[in-house]
Amino acid sequence: MAAANVVLLLALAVLAWTDFWRRVIPNVVVYPAVGACVSSWVWDAGLDGLVSALGGMAVCGGLAYLAWRSAAIGGGDVKLVALIGAGLGWMDGLNVLLWTSVVAALLMLGAVGLSSLKLHVQRGRPALRARPVEGGVQHPMFLAPAALAAVIVTSWPAWPL
């Protein structure tokens, strides 16, 4: 497993935790992880690695930016997706984004189903209930845990045992 993949998995584990508990994607985790991913790509593959990492950031981050402009995701999610592109390159990054969307949709449906059953979460845990916002109701969508699951599932066969 390449060093960029290890950095990406560690960063996504921390980001999944903060996204689930605080609904925040902290810059203090994202920016150093992006730098470490790009650096490891350069270390492993030289100029081709730099092109792959920056291309992944541009393609994946660009798609996320368009989603952010249409108010579909938050600004932290754009940085999260750019990190995925930097860690995996544009082709594998797009594959992970596809699976991230699927997992995030399943998590959101589960959260909506739980809130419709009026199940209450213990104090100190994230409220999985829909909350009113301007123009309707916002349902929780945890993109970082979905991204972590997608990276694990899509890269599992490549892991050395």
C-alpha atoms as a PDB file:
ATOM      1  CA  MET A   1       0.000   0.000   0.000  1.00  0.00           C
ATOM      2  CA  ALA A   2       1.368   3.378  -0.982  1.00  0.00           C
ATOM      3  CA  ALA A   3       2.166   5.961   1.667  1.00  0.00           C
ATOM      4  CA  ALA A   4      -0.533   8.262   0.248  1.00  0.00           C
ATOM      5  CA  ASN A   5      -3.157   5.584   0.909  1.00  0.00           C
ATOM      6  CA  VAL A   6      -2.035   5.184   4.517  1.00  0.00           C
ATOM      7  CA  VAL A   7      -2.136   8.964   5.056  1.00  0.00           C
ATOM      8  CA  LEU A   8      -5.561   9.105   3.416  1.00  0.00           C
ATOM      9  CA  LEU A   9      -6.972   6.309   5.587  1.00  0.00           C
ATOM     10  CA  LEU A  10      -5.639   7.859   8.792  1.00  0.00           C
ATOM     11  CA  ALA A  11      -6.948  11.314   7.871  1.00  0.00           C
ATOM     12  CA  LEU A  12     -10.347   9.917   6.880  1.00  0.00           C
ATOM     13  CA  ALA A  13     -10.589   8.051  10.186  1.00  0.00           C
ATOM     14  CA  VAL A  14     -10.068  11.304  12.104  1.00  0.00           C
ATOM     15  CA  LEU A  15     -12.382  13.235   9.776  1.00  0.00           C
ATOM     16  CA  ALA A  16     -15.092  10.580  10.049  1.00  0.00           C
ATOM     17  CA  TRP A  17     -14.963  10.907  13.827  1.00  0.00           C
ATOM     18  CA  THR A  18     -15.188  14.709  13.802  1.00  0.00           C
ATOM     19  CA  ASP A  19     -17.859  14.744  11.097  1.00  0.00           C
ATOM     20  CA  PHE A  20     -20.045  12.272  12.958  1.00  0.00           C
ATOM     21  CA  TRP A  21     -19.695  13.835  16.402  1.00  0.00           C
ATOM     22  CA  ARG A  22     -19.324  17.535  15.607  1.00  0.00           C
ATOM     23  CA  ARG A  23     -20.422  17.786  11.942  1.00  0.00           C
ATOM     24  CA  VAL A  24     -17.141  19.551  11.137  1.00  0.00           C
ATOM     25  CA  ILE A  25     -14.318  18.795   8.699  1.00  0.00           C
ATOM     26  CA  PRO A  26     -11.379  20.551  10.417  1.00  0.00           C
ATOM     27  CA  ASN A  27      -8.774  22.292   8.283  1.00  0.00           C
ATOM     28  CA  VAL A  28      -6.083  21.306  10.773  1.00  0.00           C
ATOM     29  CA  VAL A  29      -6.508  17.711   9.595  1.00  0.00           C
ATOM     30  CA  VAL A  30      -7.312  18.233   5.906  1.00  0.00           C
ATOM     31  CA  TYR A  31      -4.511  20.578   4.832  1.00  0.00           C
ATOM     32  CA  PRO A  32      -1.579  18.621   6.315  1.00  0.00           C
ATOM     33  CA  ALA A  33      -3.079  15.391   4.951  1.00  0.00           C
ATOM     34  CA  VAL A  34      -3.311  16.886   1.452  1.00  0.00           C
ATOM     35  CA  GLY A  35       0.303  18.012   1.700  1.00  0.00           C
ATOM     36  CA  ALA A  36       1.401  14.583   2.919  1.00  0.00           C
ATOM     37  CA  CYS A  37      -0.510  12.823   0.120  1.00  0.00           C
ATOM     38  CA  VAL A  38       0.968  15.049  -2.580  1.00  0.00           C
ATOM     39  CA  SER A  39       4.445  14.677  -1.080  1.00  0.00           C
ATOM     40  CA  SER A  40       4.176  10.899  -0.935  1.00  0.00           C
ATOM     41  CA  TRP A  41       2.986  10.773  -4.549  1.00  0.00           C
ATOM     42  CA  VAL A  42       6.021  12.859  -5.556  1.00  0.00           C
ATOM     43  CA  TRP A  43       8.306  10.653  -3.461  1.00  0.00           C
ATOM     44  CA  ASP A  44       6.932   7.452  -5.014  1.00  0.00           C
ATOM     45  CA  ALA A  45       6.507   8.535  -8.655  1.00  0.00           C
ATOM     46  CA  GLY A  46       8.265  11.867  -9.170  1.00  0.00           C
ATOM     47  CA  LEU A  47       6.682  14.286 -11.623  1.00  0.00           C
ATOM     48  CA  ASP A  48       4.079  11.724 -12.707  1.00  0.00           C
ATOM     49  CA  GLY A  49       3.007  11.404  -9.080  1.00  0.00           C
ATOM     50  CA  LEU A  50       2.688  15.172  -8.745  1.00  0.00           C
ATOM     51  CA  VAL A  51       0.512  15.296 -11.847  1.00  0.00           C
ATOM     52  CA  SER A  52      -1.617  12.415 -10.533  1.00  0.00           C
ATOM     53  CA  ALA A  53      -2.133  14.003  -7.108  1.00  0.00           C
ATOM     54  CA  LEU A  54      -2.874  17.479  -8.444  1.00  0.00           C
ATOM     55  CA  GLY A  55      -5.084  16.047 -11.185  1.00  0.00           C
ATOM     56  CA  GLY A  56      -7.026  14.089  -8.582  1.00  0.00           C
ATOM     57  CA  MET A  57      -7.461  17.203  -6.486  1.00  0.00           C
ATOM     58  CA  ALA A  58      -8.616  19.188  -9.524  1.00  0.00           C
ATOM     59  CA  VAL A  59     -11.085  16.608 -10.879  1.00  0.00           C
ATOM     60  CA  CYS A  60     -12.559  15.407  -7.586  1.00  0.00           C
ATOM     61  CA  GLY A  61     -12.386  18.792  -5.892  1.00  0.00           C
ATOM     62  CA  GLY A  62     -13.841  20.469  -8.984  1.00  0.00           C
ATOM     63  CA  LEU A  63     -16.860  18.172  -8.989  1.00  0.00           C
ATOM     64  CA  ALA A  64     -17.343  18.770  -5.280  1.00  0.00           C
ATOM     65  CA  TYR A  65     -17.020  22.519  -5.833  1.00  0.00           C
ATOM     66  CA  LEU A  66     -19.867  22.371  -8.350  1.00  0.00           C
ATOM     67  CA  ALA A  67     -21.977  20.466  -5.813  1.00  0.00           C
ATOM     68  CA  TRP A  68     -21.111  23.088  -3.171  1.00  0.00           C
ATOM     69  CA  ARG A  69     -22.118  25.905  -5.548  1.00  0.00           C
ATOM     70  CA  SER A  70     -25.517  24.258  -5.933  1.00  0.00           C
ATOM     71  CA  ALA A  71     -25.787  23.995  -2.111  1.00  0.00           C
ATOM     72  CA  ALA A  72     -25.777  20.188  -2.180  1.00  0.00           C
ATOM     73  CA  ILE A  73     -22.778  19.816   0.160  1.00  0.00           C
ATOM     74  CA  GLY A  74     -20.831  21.989   2.565  1.00  0.00           C
ATOM     75  CA  GLY A  75     -17.462  23.652   2.125  1.00  0.00           C
ATOM     76  CA  GLY A  76     -15.713  21.126   4.344  1.00  0.00           C
ATOM     77  CA  ASP A  77     -16.963  18.350   2.102  1.00  0.00           C
ATOM     78  CA  VAL A  78     -15.233  20.007  -0.860  1.00  0.00           C
ATOM     79  CA  LYS A  79     -11.920  19.866   1.003  1.00  0.00           C
ATOM     80  CA  LEU A  80     -12.625  16.270   1.998  1.00  0.00           C
ATOM     81  CA  VAL A  81     -13.232  15.246  -1.614  1.00  0.00           C
ATOM     82  CA  ALA A  82     -10.114  17.116  -2.783  1.00  0.00           C
ATOM     83  CA  LEU A  83      -8.151  15.140  -0.171  1.00  0.00           C
ATOM     84  CA  ILE A  84      -9.528  11.904  -1.614  1.00  0.00           C
ATOM     85  CA  GLY A  85      -8.402  13.012  -5.077  1.00  0.00           C
ATOM     86  CA  ALA A  86      -4.944  13.924  -3.780  1.00  0.00           C
ATOM     87  CA  GLY A  87      -4.583  10.573  -2.049  1.00  0.00           C
ATOM     88  CA  LEU A  88      -5.874   8.335  -4.818  1.00  0.00           C
ATOM     89  CA  GLY A  89      -5.513  10.191  -8.116  1.00  0.00           C
ATOM     90  CA  TRP A  90      -8.397  11.150 -10.340  1.00  0.00           C
ATOM     91  CA  MET A  91      -9.511   7.710 -11.586  1.00  0.00           C
ATOM     92  CA  ASP A  92      -9.576   5.951  -8.226  1.00  0.00           C
ATOM     93  CA  GLY A  93     -10.852   9.165  -6.645  1.00  0.00           C
ATOM     94  CA  LEU A  94     -13.907   9.168  -8.914  1.00  0.00           C
ATOM     95  CA  ASN A  95     -14.559   5.521  -8.087  1.00  0.00           C
ATOM     96  CA  VAL A  96     -14.433   6.308  -4.373  1.00  0.00           C
ATOM     97  CA  LEU A  97     -16.731   9.316  -4.894  1.00  0.00           C
ATOM     98  CA  LEU A  98     -19.310   7.079  -6.523  1.00  0.00           C
ATOM     99  CA  TRP A  99     -19.254   4.688  -3.583  1.00  0.00           C
ATOM    100  CA  THR A 100     -19.136   7.553  -1.092  1.00  0.00           C
ATOM    101  CA  SER A 101     -22.390   8.843  -2.562  1.00  0.00           C
ATOM    102  CA  VAL A 102     -24.011   5.432  -2.250  1.00  0.00           C
ATOM    103  CA  VAL A 103     -22.881   4.926   1.354  1.00  0.00           C
ATOM    104  CA  ALA A 104     -23.829   8.505   2.329  1.00  0.00           C
ATOM    105  CA  ALA A 105     -27.297   8.027   0.860  1.00  0.00           C
ATOM    106  CA  LEU A 106     -27.739   4.798   2.829  1.00  0.00           C
ATOM    107  CA  LEU A 107     -26.550   6.492   6.031  1.00  0.00           C
ATOM    108  CA  MET A 108     -28.927   9.382   5.444  1.00  0.00           C
ATOM    109  CA  LEU A 109     -31.849   7.063   4.774  1.00  0.00           C
ATOM    110  CA  GLY A 110     -31.042   5.190   7.947  1.00  0.00           C
ATOM    111  CA  ALA A 111     -30.882   8.421   9.931  1.00  0.00           C
ATOM    112  CA  VAL A 112     -34.180   9.614   8.481  1.00  0.00           C
ATOM    113  CA  GLY A 113     -35.731   6.234   9.239  1.00  0.00           C
ATOM    114  CA  LEU A 114     -34.513   6.413  12.820  1.00  0.00           C
ATOM    115  CA  SER A 115     -35.854   9.939  13.230  1.00  0.00           C
ATOM    116  CA  SER A 116     -39.214   8.963  11.778  1.00  0.00           C
ATOM    117  CA  LEU A 117     -39.466   6.210  14.392  1.00  0.00           C
ATOM    118  CA  LYS A 118     -38.953   8.890  17.044  1.00  0.00           C
ATOM    119  CA  LEU A 119     -35.954   7.087  18.494  1.00  0.00           C
ATOM    120  CA  HIS A 120     -33.967   9.316  20.787  1.00  0.00           C
ATOM    121  CA  VAL A 121     -30.228   9.204  20.972  1.00  0.00           C
ATOM    122  CA  GLN A 122     -28.499   9.326  24.345  1.00  0.00           C
ATOM    123  CA  ARG A 123     -27.360  12.685  25.602  1.00  0.00           C
ATOM    124  CA  GLY A 124     -23.972  13.697  24.265  1.00  0.00           C
ATOM    125  CA  ARG A 125     -24.401  11.813  21.011  1.00  0.00           C
ATOM    126  CA  PRO A 126     -25.243  13.389  17.677  1.00  0.00           C
ATOM    127  CA  ALA A 127     -28.922  13.987  17.062  1.00  0.00           C
ATOM    128  CA  LEU A 128     -29.888  11.953  14.045  1.00  0.00           C
ATOM    129  CA  ARG A 129     -33.186  13.747  13.742  1.00  0.00           C
ATOM    130  CA  ALA A 130     -34.020  16.077  10.891  1.00  0.00           C
ATOM    131  CA  ARG A 131     -33.660  19.718  11.823  1.00  0.00           C
ATOM    132  CA  PRO A 132     -35.592  22.633  10.367  1.00  0.00           C
ATOM    133  CA  VAL A 133     -33.636  25.050   8.205  1.00  0.00           C
ATOM    134  CA  GLU A 134     -34.637  27.892   5.950  1.00  0.00           C
ATOM    135  CA  GLY A 135     -36.586  26.512   3.030  1.00  0.00           C
ATOM    136  CA  GLY A 136     -37.391  23.100   4.473  1.00  0.00           C
ATOM    137  CA  VAL A 137     -35.878  20.360   6.600  1.00  0.00           C
ATOM    138  CA  GLN A 138     -32.235  19.358   6.542  1.00  0.00           C
ATOM    139  CA  HIS A 139     -31.420  15.707   7.097  1.00  0.00           C
ATOM    140  CA  PRO A 140     -28.017  14.739   8.407  1.00  0.00           C
ATOM    141  CA  MET A 141     -25.521  13.523   5.847  1.00  0.00           C
ATOM    142  CA  PHE A 142     -22.188  12.318   7.136  1.00  0.00           C
ATOM    143  CA  LEU A 143     -19.879  12.402   4.131  1.00  0.00           C
ATOM    144  CA  ALA A 144     -16.579  11.658   5.912  1.00  0.00           C
ATOM    145  CA  PRO A 145     -17.697   8.322   7.440  1.00  0.00           C
ATOM    146  CA  ALA A 146     -19.135   7.378   4.055  1.00  0.00           C
ATOM    147  CA  ALA A 147     -15.842   8.298   2.372  1.00  0.00           C
ATOM    148  CA  LEU A 148     -13.876   6.207   4.870  1.00  0.00           C
ATOM    149  CA  ALA A 149     -16.113   3.207   4.216  1.00  0.00           C
ATOM    150  CA  ALA A 150     -15.827   3.730   0.448  1.00  0.00           C
ATOM    151  CA  VAL A 151     -12.013   3.916   0.552  1.00  0.00           C
ATOM    152  CA  ILE A 152     -11.827   0.778   2.669  1.00  0.00           C
ATOM    153  CA  VAL A 153     -14.211  -1.161   0.428  1.00  0.00           C
ATOM    154  CA  THR A 154     -12.698  -0.071  -2.885  1.00  0.00           C
ATOM    155  CA  SER A 155      -9.073  -0.565  -1.844  1.00  0.00           C
ATOM    156  CA  TRP A 156      -9.529  -3.748   0.210  1.00  0.00           C
ATOM    157  CA  PRO A 157      -8.370  -6.204  -2.500  1.00  0.00           C
ATOM    158  CA  ALA A 158      -5.114  -4.264  -2.941  1.00  0.00           C
ATOM    159  CA  TRP A 159      -4.127  -4.509   0.717  1.00  0.00           C
ATOM    160  CA  PRO A 160      -1.228  -6.835   1.481  1.00  0.00           C
ATOM    161  CA  LEU A 161      -2.219  -9.538   3.942  1.00  0.00           C
END
